[in-house]
Protein backbone atom coordinates (compact mmCIF):
# COMPACT_ATOMS: atom_id res chain seq x y z
CA MET A 1 122.29 210.04 -14.97
CA HIS A 2 122.33 213.70 -17.11
CA LEU A 3 119.82 216.00 -15.99
CA TYR A 4 119.03 218.60 -18.95
CA SER A 5 118.03 222.08 -17.56
CA PHE A 6 114.17 221.45 -17.70
CA GLU A 7 114.94 218.48 -15.02
CA LYS A 8 115.94 221.11 -12.62
CA LEU A 9 113.07 222.96 -12.51
CA GLU A 10 111.21 222.37 -9.29
CA VAL A 11 108.06 223.22 -11.39
CA TRP A 12 109.07 220.55 -13.47
CA LYS A 13 109.46 217.57 -11.05
CA ASP A 14 106.20 218.85 -9.35
CA SER A 15 104.52 218.64 -13.27
CA ILE A 16 105.19 214.76 -13.19
CA ASN A 17 104.43 213.91 -9.39
CA LEU A 18 100.85 215.82 -10.72
CA THR A 19 101.25 213.35 -13.68
CA VAL A 20 101.97 209.66 -11.07
CA LEU A 21 98.90 211.46 -9.19
CA ILE A 22 96.31 211.73 -11.96
CA TYR A 23 97.49 207.92 -13.63
CA ASN A 24 96.50 206.48 -9.76
CA PHE A 25 93.66 208.63 -9.56
CA THR A 26 91.95 207.61 -12.51
CA LYS A 27 93.05 203.89 -12.23
CA ALA A 28 89.79 203.60 -10.08
CA PHE A 29 87.56 204.93 -13.03
CA PRO A 30 84.93 202.73 -14.42
CA ASP A 31 85.81 201.21 -17.47
CA GLU A 32 83.05 202.81 -19.06
CA GLU A 33 85.05 206.55 -18.95
CA LYS A 34 88.41 205.02 -20.31
CA PHE A 35 88.38 206.27 -23.75
CA GLY A 36 86.69 209.87 -22.25
CA LEU A 37 87.41 211.52 -18.78
CA THR A 38 90.21 208.97 -17.66
CA SER A 39 92.22 209.27 -21.11
CA GLN A 40 91.81 213.49 -21.54
CA MET A 41 92.60 213.83 -17.67
CA ARG A 42 95.49 211.88 -18.19
CA ARG A 43 96.77 212.64 -21.62
CA SER A 44 96.37 216.82 -19.99
CA SER A 45 98.54 216.10 -17.17
CA VAL A 46 101.36 214.62 -19.72
CA SER A 47 101.41 217.77 -21.53
CA ILE A 48 102.13 219.96 -18.78
CA SER A 49 105.26 218.58 -18.34
CA SER A 50 105.66 218.17 -22.22
CA ASN A 51 105.42 221.78 -22.62
CA TYR A 52 108.63 222.49 -20.29
CA SER A 53 110.98 220.18 -21.78
């Protein structure tokens, strides 16, 4: 597997792990939060790792 330079960064790896944690954590949120807080938290966690690439 080819690694891009940002994939070698520990901070990028940590941000991917954070995203996985956020997705798992927000699974337990109520359905009425699906398009509110859940969506916002998930998008913001993905944004962190995206800004390194």
